[in-house]
Amino acid sequence: MKNRTNKLIRSLSEIFEGEPWYGESVMKKLENVPYKIGYETCVPDSHSVAEIVGHLISWKSFAAEKLNDNNGYDIEIDSETDWPIVEIKSPEEWEALKRRLVAAQSNIYKFLEAKPDDSFLEEKVNGQDYNFEFLIRGIIQHDIYHLGQIGLIESQLKRKEENSGVFKS
């Protein structure tokens, strides 16, 4: 039986591209962020939306690698792997970054769907002090956490850009 795994897949999907109870999903929110806002920050030395997307890609890739039994894969907190440098200079680059995020999410689905049953959820993630269910729930929580940041950055920069024509009324 894959009841727990299927519930996790549904939760991942709802938060990422569905219609969660609290409002917009990750992809719906990113669809509404113009590329010019994507690379800006609210204050110096803070992260841009594009950098947050890069960070989400990093951790979704981490989860996929662990689900694929890549025991050697790891991310050092606050490293360039954790927070990659992301520069967006065109709408095409912004769209490409969002496609990379979708691909990273799709890899998680692929590995979860390939599991024959729920037993792997109790297995410890190699090199970590938690199991696979905790990892997947963490990815869900991570998306929600950073979705809030993206919304805050967007609202602050939107005020700044309202008269510039970046946002349409």
C-alpha atoms as a PDB file:
ATOM      1  CA  MET A   1       0.000   0.000   0.000  1.00  0.00           C
ATOM      2  CA  LYS A   2       1.110   3.517  -0.781  1.00  0.00           C
ATOM      3  CA  ASN A   3      -1.516   5.506   1.135  1.00  0.00           C
ATOM      4  CA  ARG A   4       0.965   7.721   3.023  1.00  0.00           C
ATOM      5  CA  THR A   5       3.156   8.216  -0.041  1.00  0.00           C
ATOM      6  CA  ASN A   6       0.149   9.187  -2.156  1.00  0.00           C
ATOM      7  CA  LYS A   7      -0.973  11.683   0.514  1.00  0.00           C
ATOM      8  CA  LEU A   8       2.500  13.224   0.527  1.00  0.00           C
ATOM      9  CA  ILE A   9       2.459  13.479  -3.278  1.00  0.00           C
ATOM     10  CA  ARG A  10      -0.940  15.208  -3.120  1.00  0.00           C
ATOM     11  CA  SER A  11       0.330  17.643  -0.473  1.00  0.00           C
ATOM     12  CA  LEU A  12       3.483  18.400  -2.463  1.00  0.00           C
ATOM     13  CA  SER A  13       1.373  19.026  -5.557  1.00  0.00           C
ATOM     14  CA  GLU A  14      -1.223  21.163  -3.785  1.00  0.00           C
ATOM     15  CA  ILE A  15       1.390  23.508  -2.305  1.00  0.00           C
ATOM     16  CA  PHE A  16       3.507  23.615  -5.462  1.00  0.00           C
ATOM     17  CA  GLU A  17       0.946  23.931  -8.258  1.00  0.00           C
ATOM     18  CA  GLY A  18      -2.496  23.381  -6.809  1.00  0.00           C
ATOM     19  CA  GLU A  19      -4.959  25.429  -4.810  1.00  0.00           C
ATOM     20  CA  PRO A  20      -3.884  25.345  -1.154  1.00  0.00           C
ATOM     21  CA  TRP A  21      -6.231  26.546   1.580  1.00  0.00           C
ATOM     22  CA  TYR A  22      -4.073  29.577   2.474  1.00  0.00           C
ATOM     23  CA  GLY A  23      -3.938  31.123  -1.009  1.00  0.00           C
ATOM     24  CA  GLU A  24      -1.633  30.876  -4.005  1.00  0.00           C
ATOM     25  CA  SER A  25       0.625  27.923  -4.727  1.00  0.00           C
ATOM     26  CA  VAL A  26       4.337  28.378  -5.379  1.00  0.00           C
ATOM     27  CA  MET A  27       3.946  28.338  -9.165  1.00  0.00           C
ATOM     28  CA  LYS A  28       0.859  30.569  -9.163  1.00  0.00           C
ATOM     29  CA  LYS A  29       2.760  33.131  -7.091  1.00  0.00           C
ATOM     30  CA  LEU A  30       5.803  32.945  -9.366  1.00  0.00           C
ATOM     31  CA  GLU A  31       3.617  33.362 -12.472  1.00  0.00           C
ATOM     32  CA  ASN A  32       2.626  36.772 -11.093  1.00  0.00           C
ATOM     33  CA  VAL A  33       6.175  37.935 -10.370  1.00  0.00           C
ATOM     34  CA  PRO A  34       7.632  39.844 -13.349  1.00  0.00           C
ATOM     35  CA  TYR A  35      11.266  39.049 -14.126  1.00  0.00           C
ATOM     36  CA  LYS A  36      12.284  42.608 -13.171  1.00  0.00           C
ATOM     37  CA  ILE A  37      11.036  41.943  -9.653  1.00  0.00           C
ATOM     38  CA  GLY A  38      12.543  38.442  -9.657  1.00  0.00           C
ATOM     39  CA  TYR A  39      16.117  39.678  -9.382  1.00  0.00           C
ATOM     40  CA  GLU A  40      15.567  42.664  -7.073  1.00  0.00           C
ATOM     41  CA  THR A  41      15.878  42.691  -3.291  1.00  0.00           C
ATOM     42  CA  CYS A  42      14.016  44.758  -0.703  1.00  0.00           C
ATOM     43  CA  VAL A  43      17.121  45.590   1.292  1.00  0.00           C
ATOM     44  CA  PRO A  44      20.838  45.187   0.582  1.00  0.00           C
ATOM     45  CA  ASP A  45      22.317  41.767   1.361  1.00  0.00           C
ATOM     46  CA  SER A  46      18.926  40.047   1.315  1.00  0.00           C
ATOM     47  CA  HIS A  47      17.798  37.392  -1.129  1.00  0.00           C
ATOM     48  CA  SER A  48      15.888  38.080  -4.324  1.00  0.00           C
ATOM     49  CA  VAL A  49      12.949  35.970  -5.461  1.00  0.00           C
ATOM     50  CA  ALA A  50      15.258  34.407  -8.069  1.00  0.00           C
ATOM     51  CA  GLU A  51      17.755  33.438  -5.362  1.00  0.00           C
ATOM     52  CA  ILE A  52      14.948  31.917  -3.290  1.00  0.00           C
ATOM     53  CA  VAL A  53      13.872  29.917  -6.347  1.00  0.00           C
ATOM     54  CA  GLY A  54      17.477  28.731  -6.752  1.00  0.00           C
ATOM     55  CA  HIS A  55      17.458  27.719  -3.078  1.00  0.00           C
ATOM     56  CA  LEU A  56      14.192  25.793  -3.539  1.00  0.00           C
ATOM     57  CA  ILE A  57      15.714  24.000  -6.535  1.00  0.00           C
ATOM     58  CA  SER A  58      18.743  23.051  -4.417  1.00  0.00           C
ATOM     59  CA  TRP A  59      16.671  21.447  -1.677  1.00  0.00           C
ATOM     60  CA  LYS A  60      14.248  19.732  -4.046  1.00  0.00           C
ATOM     61  CA  SER A  61      17.315  18.306  -5.806  1.00  0.00           C
ATOM     62  CA  PHE A  62      18.672  17.178  -2.418  1.00  0.00           C
ATOM     63  CA  ALA A  63      15.406  15.340  -1.700  1.00  0.00           C
ATOM     64  CA  ALA A  64      15.375  13.723  -5.148  1.00  0.00           C
ATOM     65  CA  GLU A  65      19.001  12.613  -4.798  1.00  0.00           C
ATOM     66  CA  LYS A  66      18.279  11.056  -1.393  1.00  0.00           C
ATOM     67  CA  LEU A  67      15.138   9.355  -2.745  1.00  0.00           C
ATOM     68  CA  ASN A  68      17.329   7.986  -5.545  1.00  0.00           C
ATOM     69  CA  ASP A  69      19.711   6.503  -2.938  1.00  0.00           C
ATOM     70  CA  ASN A  70      22.532   8.938  -3.745  1.00  0.00           C
ATOM     71  CA  ASN A  71      24.103   8.688  -0.310  1.00  0.00           C
ATOM     72  CA  GLY A  72      27.038  10.910  -1.201  1.00  0.00           C
ATOM     73  CA  TYR A  73      24.920  13.945  -2.076  1.00  0.00           C
ATOM     74  CA  ASP A  74      24.728  16.635   0.588  1.00  0.00           C
ATOM     75  CA  ILE A  75      24.263  20.372   0.981  1.00  0.00           C
ATOM     76  CA  GLU A  76      26.257  22.476   3.404  1.00  0.00           C
ATOM     77  CA  ILE A  77      24.022  25.095   5.013  1.00  0.00           C
ATOM     78  CA  ASP A  78      24.740  28.669   3.815  1.00  0.00           C
ATOM     79  CA  SER A  79      27.044  27.408   1.069  1.00  0.00           C
ATOM     80  CA  GLU A  80      26.739  28.255  -2.618  1.00  0.00           C
ATOM     81  CA  THR A  81      25.003  24.898  -3.066  1.00  0.00           C
ATOM     82  CA  ASP A  82      22.409  25.931  -0.458  1.00  0.00           C
ATOM     83  CA  TRP A  83      22.043  29.478  -1.816  1.00  0.00           C
ATOM     84  CA  PRO A  84      23.310  29.457  -5.411  1.00  0.00           C
ATOM     85  CA  ILE A  85      24.126  32.728  -7.103  1.00  0.00           C
ATOM     86  CA  VAL A  86      21.261  33.397  -9.506  1.00  0.00           C
ATOM     87  CA  GLU A  87      21.356  36.264 -11.971  1.00  0.00           C
ATOM     88  CA  ILE A  88      18.310  36.973 -14.103  1.00  0.00           C
ATOM     89  CA  LYS A  89      18.795  39.441 -16.937  1.00  0.00           C
ATOM     90  CA  SER A  90      15.843  38.700 -19.197  1.00  0.00           C
ATOM     91  CA  PRO A  91      12.316  37.303 -19.203  1.00  0.00           C
ATOM     92  CA  GLU A  92      13.704  34.187 -20.921  1.00  0.00           C
ATOM     93  CA  GLU A  93      16.160  33.550 -18.070  1.00  0.00           C
ATOM     94  CA  TRP A  94      13.348  34.020 -15.533  1.00  0.00           C
ATOM     95  CA  GLU A  95      11.178  31.484 -17.390  1.00  0.00           C
ATOM     96  CA  ALA A  96      14.116  29.048 -17.620  1.00  0.00           C
ATOM     97  CA  LEU A  97      14.673  29.299 -13.850  1.00  0.00           C
ATOM     98  CA  LYS A  98      11.012  28.527 -13.191  1.00  0.00           C
ATOM     99  CA  ARG A  99      11.235  25.535 -15.571  1.00  0.00           C
ATOM    100  CA  ARG A 100      14.215  24.245 -13.550  1.00  0.00           C
ATOM    101  CA  LEU A 101      12.081  24.509 -10.412  1.00  0.00           C
ATOM    102  CA  VAL A 102       9.289  22.507 -12.060  1.00  0.00           C
ATOM    103  CA  ALA A 103      11.819  19.882 -13.194  1.00  0.00           C
ATOM    104  CA  ALA A 104      13.205  19.570  -9.651  1.00  0.00           C
ATOM    105  CA  GLN A 105       9.674  19.077  -8.293  1.00  0.00           C
ATOM    106  CA  SER A 106       8.914  16.530 -11.020  1.00  0.00           C
ATOM    107  CA  ASN A 107      11.971  14.493 -10.014  1.00  0.00           C
ATOM    108  CA  ILE A 108      10.594  14.174  -6.489  1.00  0.00           C
ATOM    109  CA  TYR A 109       7.255  12.948  -7.882  1.00  0.00           C
ATOM    110  CA  LYS A 110       9.069  10.469 -10.139  1.00  0.00           C
ATOM    111  CA  PHE A 111      11.023   8.914  -7.285  1.00  0.00           C
ATOM    112  CA  LEU A 112       8.030   8.820  -4.926  1.00  0.00           C
ATOM    113  CA  GLU A 113       5.810   7.229  -7.565  1.00  0.00           C
ATOM    114  CA  ALA A 114       8.452   4.555  -8.224  1.00  0.00           C
ATOM    115  CA  LYS A 115       8.419   3.362  -4.607  1.00  0.00           C
ATOM    116  CA  PRO A 116       6.474   0.085  -4.331  1.00  0.00           C
ATOM    117  CA  ASP A 117       4.954   0.831  -0.911  1.00  0.00           C
ATOM    118  CA  ASP A 118       5.170   3.111   2.138  1.00  0.00           C
ATOM    119  CA  SER A 119       7.899   1.176   3.956  1.00  0.00           C
ATOM    120  CA  PHE A 120      10.688   3.489   2.721  1.00  0.00           C
ATOM    121  CA  LEU A 121       9.082   6.407   4.592  1.00  0.00           C
ATOM    122  CA  GLU A 122      10.323   4.941   7.887  1.00  0.00           C
ATOM    123  CA  GLU A 123      13.870   4.414   6.606  1.00  0.00           C
ATOM    124  CA  LYS A 124      16.518   6.816   7.800  1.00  0.00           C
ATOM    125  CA  VAL A 125      17.893   9.182   5.148  1.00  0.00           C
ATOM    126  CA  ASN A 126      21.574   8.315   4.763  1.00  0.00           C
ATOM    127  CA  GLY A 127      23.763  10.827   6.569  1.00  0.00           C
ATOM    128  CA  GLN A 128      20.809  12.465   8.333  1.00  0.00           C
ATOM    129  CA  ASP A 129      19.033  12.063  11.666  1.00  0.00           C
ATOM    130  CA  TYR A 130      15.583  11.735  10.127  1.00  0.00           C
ATOM    131  CA  ASN A 131      13.533   9.439   7.909  1.00  0.00           C
ATOM    132  CA  PHE A 132      12.155   9.937   4.388  1.00  0.00           C
ATOM    133  CA  GLU A 133       8.711  10.979   5.579  1.00  0.00           C
ATOM    134  CA  PHE A 134      10.298  13.780   7.618  1.00  0.00           C
ATOM    135  CA  LEU A 135      12.337  14.815   4.559  1.00  0.00           C
ATOM    136  CA  ILE A 136       9.270  15.045   2.302  1.00  0.00           C
ATOM    137  CA  ARG A 137       7.240  16.883   4.931  1.00  0.00           C
ATOM    138  CA  GLY A 138      10.217  19.222   5.277  1.00  0.00           C
ATOM    139  CA  ILE A 139      10.139  19.988   1.541  1.00  0.00           C
ATOM    140  CA  ILE A 140       6.440  20.862   1.869  1.00  0.00           C
ATOM    141  CA  GLN A 141       7.136  23.125   4.863  1.00  0.00           C
ATOM    142  CA  HIS A 142      10.133  24.656   3.073  1.00  0.00           C
ATOM    143  CA  ASP A 143       7.958  25.605   0.081  1.00  0.00           C
ATOM    144  CA  ILE A 144       5.368  27.263   2.333  1.00  0.00           C
ATOM    145  CA  TYR A 145       8.034  29.130   4.330  1.00  0.00           C
ATOM    146  CA  HIS A 146       9.718  30.561   1.252  1.00  0.00           C
ATOM    147  CA  LEU A 147       6.377  31.230  -0.453  1.00  0.00           C
ATOM    148  CA  GLY A 148       5.706  33.686   2.383  1.00  0.00           C
ATOM    149  CA  GLN A 149       9.036  35.379   1.748  1.00  0.00           C
ATOM    150  CA  ILE A 150       8.340  35.596  -1.980  1.00  0.00           C
ATOM    151  CA  GLY A 151       4.968  37.199  -1.255  1.00  0.00           C
ATOM    152  CA  LEU A 152       6.532  39.752   1.078  1.00  0.00           C
ATOM    153  CA  ILE A 153       9.289  40.649  -1.390  1.00  0.00           C
ATOM    154  CA  GLU A 154       6.750  40.898  -4.201  1.00  0.00           C
ATOM    155  CA  SER A 155       4.437  43.192  -2.218  1.00  0.00           C
ATOM    156  CA  GLN A 156       7.282  45.490  -1.162  1.00  0.00           C
ATOM    157  CA  LEU A 157       8.782  45.739  -4.634  1.00  0.00           C
ATOM    158  CA  LYS A 158       5.353  46.042  -6.251  1.00  0.00           C
ATOM    159  CA  ARG A 159       4.762  49.254  -4.330  1.00  0.00           C
ATOM    160  CA  LYS A 160       8.056  50.569  -5.622  1.00  0.00           C
ATOM    161  CA  GLU A 161       7.312  49.531  -9.214  1.00  0.00           C
ATOM    162  CA  GLU A 162       3.587  50.317  -9.480  1.00  0.00           C
ATOM    163  CA  ASN A 163       4.131  53.473 -11.491  1.00  0.00           C
ATOM    164  CA  SER A 164       6.874  51.971 -13.637  1.00  0.00           C
ATOM    165  CA  GLY A 165       4.548  49.806 -15.726  1.00  0.00           C
ATOM    166  CA  VAL A 166       5.999  46.501 -14.474  1.00  0.00           C
ATOM    167  CA  PHE A 167       2.668  45.550 -12.884  1.00  0.00           C
ATOM    168  CA  LYS A 168      -0.599  45.912 -14.762  1.00  0.00           C
ATOM    169  CA  SER A 169      -3.615  47.202 -12.880  1.00  0.00           C
END
